[in-house]
Protein backbone atom coordinates (compact mmCIF):
# COMPACT_ATOMS: atom_id res chain seq x y z
CA MET A 1 46.09 24.75 35.96
CA GLN A 2 43.19 25.67 37.91
CA LEU A 3 40.71 22.96 39.30
CA LEU A 4 36.95 23.43 38.34
CA ARG A 5 35.88 21.75 41.49
CA ASN A 6 36.28 25.14 43.33
CA ASP A 7 34.62 27.11 40.30
CA GLU A 8 31.05 28.33 41.21
CA LYS A 9 30.36 28.98 37.44
CA ALA A 10 31.42 25.55 36.17
CA MET A 11 28.94 24.29 38.88
CA GLU A 12 26.02 26.20 37.37
CA LEU A 13 26.66 24.63 34.05
CA PRO A 14 24.74 21.26 34.39
CA ILE A 15 21.95 23.22 35.90
CA ASN A 16 21.91 25.77 32.64
CA ILE A 17 21.68 22.62 30.40
CA VAL A 18 19.05 20.88 32.22
CA VAL A 19 16.91 24.08 32.29
CA MET A 20 17.55 24.75 28.69
CA LEU A 21 16.57 21.05 28.03
CA VAL A 22 13.31 21.28 29.61
CA VAL A 23 12.28 24.78 28.31
CA GLY A 24 13.25 23.18 24.82
CA MET A 25 11.02 20.07 25.26
CA VAL A 26 8.00 22.47 26.33
CA ALA A 27 8.51 24.50 23.30
CA LEU A 28 8.63 21.72 21.08
CA ALA A 29 5.65 20.41 22.45
CA ALA A 30 3.50 23.44 22.10
CA LEU A 31 4.70 23.69 18.41
CA ILE A 32 3.64 19.82 17.76
CA THR A 33 0.16 20.64 19.35
CA ILE A 34 -0.34 23.58 16.98
CA ILE A 35 0.32 21.25 13.83
CA PRO A 36 -3.37 20.20 12.57
CA THR A 37 -3.61 16.34 12.54
CA PRO A 38 -6.29 14.93 10.01
CA THR A 39 -9.28 13.92 12.15
CA LYS A 40 -11.98 12.97 9.53
CA GLU A 41 -12.66 10.06 7.65
CA MET A 42 -13.94 10.44 3.76
CA SER A 43 -16.69 8.91 1.95
CA VAL A 44 -16.05 7.88 -1.43
CA PHE A 45 -18.68 6.72 -4.21
CA VAL A 46 -17.98 5.56 -7.47
CA GLU A 47 -21.18 7.07 -9.10
CA GLY A 48 -20.43 5.65 -12.64
CA THR A 49 -18.20 4.41 -15.16
CA ALA A 50 -17.85 4.46 -19.10
CA LEU A 51 -15.76 2.90 -21.68
CA GLY A 52 -13.59 5.45 -23.22
CA GLY A 53 -15.20 8.92 -23.73
CA GLY A 54 -18.87 7.13 -23.71
CA SER A 55 -21.69 8.28 -21.49
CA ILE A 56 -21.34 7.21 -17.91
CA GLN A 57 -23.44 4.53 -16.76
CA GLN A 58 -24.42 3.89 -13.06
CA GLY A 59 -22.18 1.35 -11.29
CA ASN A 60 -18.45 0.50 -10.85
CA SER A 61 -18.12 -2.16 -13.69
CA ILE A 62 -17.27 -2.06 -17.23
CA ILE A 63 -18.19 -4.38 -19.88
CA VAL A 64 -15.73 -4.67 -22.74
CA SER A 65 -16.12 -6.69 -25.83
CA ALA A 66 -13.47 -8.99 -27.04
CA ALA A 67 -12.96 -6.82 -30.13
CA VAL A 68 -12.25 -3.61 -27.86
CA ALA A 69 -10.04 -5.64 -25.44
CA GLU A 70 -7.50 -6.51 -28.18
CA ASN A 71 -6.13 -3.02 -28.27
CA PRO A 72 -5.50 -0.73 -24.97
CA PHE A 73 -8.64 1.35 -24.50
CA ALA A 74 -9.79 4.31 -22.20
CA VAL A 75 -11.86 4.33 -19.16
CA SER A 76 -13.73 6.95 -17.29
CA ALA A 77 -15.24 7.14 -13.83
CA LEU A 78 -17.36 9.56 -12.30
CA ILE A 79 -16.13 9.90 -8.32
CA LYS A 80 -17.94 11.55 -5.51
CA VAL A 81 -15.87 12.49 -2.26
CA THR A 82 -17.72 13.76 0.82
CA ASP A 83 -16.88 13.86 4.43
CA ASN A 84 -18.88 11.37 6.87
CA ASP A 85 -21.70 14.47 7.49
CA GLY A 86 -22.28 14.21 3.45
CA ASN A 87 -20.38 17.54 3.03
CA PRO A 88 -18.46 17.81 -0.29
CA VAL A 89 -14.62 17.36 -0.13
CA ARG A 90 -13.28 19.93 -2.45
CA ASP A 91 -9.77 19.73 -4.26
CA ALA A 92 -9.14 16.41 -3.24
CA ASN A 93 -6.53 14.66 -5.34
CA VAL A 94 -8.06 11.47 -6.93
CA VAL A 95 -5.98 8.87 -8.64
CA LEU A 96 -7.24 5.79 -10.46
CA SER A 97 -4.60 3.24 -11.58
CA GLY A 98 -4.47 -0.52 -12.67
CA LEU A 99 -4.30 -2.69 -15.89
CA GLY A 100 -1.38 -0.44 -16.99
CA GLY A 101 -3.70 2.78 -17.12
CA ALA A 102 -3.82 5.61 -14.62
CA ALA A 103 -5.76 8.71 -14.66
CA SER A 104 -5.92 11.52 -12.21
CA ASN A 105 -7.98 15.15 -11.19
CA THR A 106 -9.22 17.01 -8.30
CA THR A 107 -12.68 17.29 -7.02
CA ASP A 108 -14.49 20.39 -7.86
CA ILE A 109 -16.60 22.57 -5.12
CA ASN A 110 -19.23 19.85 -5.00
CA GLY A 111 -16.80 17.07 -4.57
CA VAL A 112 -17.17 15.32 -7.85
CA THR A 113 -14.45 14.64 -10.59
CA VAL A 114 -14.38 12.61 -13.61
CA LEU A 115 -11.42 10.67 -14.47
CA THR A 116 -10.45 9.39 -17.88
CA THR A 117 -7.25 7.42 -18.71
CA PRO A 118 -5.20 9.82 -21.38
CA THR A 119 -3.69 7.97 -24.31
CA ASN A 120 -0.39 7.55 -22.97
CA ALA A 121 -1.98 5.40 -19.96
CA LEU A 122 -4.56 3.32 -21.54
CA VAL A 123 -5.86 0.21 -19.86
CA ARG A 124 -4.75 -3.17 -21.30
CA LEU A 125 -6.39 -6.68 -20.68
CA ASP A 126 -3.97 -9.55 -21.83
CA PRO A 127 -5.34 -12.04 -24.50
CA ASN A 128 -6.00 -14.64 -21.76
CA GLN A 129 -7.33 -12.28 -18.99
CA ASN A 130 -11.41 -12.04 -18.97
CA ASP A 131 -11.34 -9.40 -16.15
CA GLY A 132 -9.31 -6.95 -13.93
CA THR A 133 -9.49 -4.23 -11.62
CA MET A 134 -8.46 -0.58 -10.92
CA ASP A 135 -7.43 1.05 -7.56
CA LEU A 136 -8.71 4.29 -6.24
CA LYS A 137 -6.65 6.59 -4.18
CA ILE A 138 -7.70 9.94 -2.68
CA ILE A 139 -5.77 12.64 -0.47
CA ALA A 140 -7.41 15.48 0.85
CA ASP A 141 -5.93 18.20 3.53
CA GLY A 142 -7.57 17.26 6.84
CA PHE A 143 -8.58 13.99 6.01
CA TYR A 144 -7.08 10.59 6.14
CA ASP A 145 -5.79 9.15 3.13
CA TYR A 146 -8.42 6.77 1.19
CA GLU A 147 -7.26 3.86 -0.58
CA LYS A 148 -9.76 1.33 -2.38
CA LYS A 149 -8.54 -1.70 -3.82
CA ASP A 150 -10.54 -3.07 -6.78
CA ALA A 151 -12.69 -0.13 -6.81
CA ILE A 152 -13.37 -0.59 -10.74
CA MET A 153 -14.02 -3.86 -12.41
CA ILE A 154 -13.57 -4.56 -16.04
CA ILE A 155 -14.93 -7.54 -17.63
CA LYS A 156 -14.31 -8.82 -21.19
CA THR A 157 -17.19 -10.58 -22.92
CA ARG A 158 -16.53 -13.20 -25.41
């Protein structure tokens, strides 16, 4: 059996491993710097809300009569998404959820979308519940994710 102690090729092996490790780390660092990271914040506005398919009223509150609240009902919201400079954010995924209901859509070229809960995801208020809220989540390429708890308020009147 020949000893590796006197073999010059065996002495180069650790050096080659270290060189390959360093080159690999540099290549990985270069690849990571190429990946775009989200650097912008979004500005989100709930321009208006409506009960069911009714006309949209300004504000983020919906007043529901006790008679309507006895059964699940639809909710609509007009959402506008811009960057911090006021430019519209197009193709942003917008999700409204809460009170058993949910709706989703994408923004148009003007950064605007209308969300309406479909018949299989209607909003419900329990018999002893006088109010409730819905949350808003928005995801767009190149932006930090936006999440707003209690973005829309639903109030039951007596």
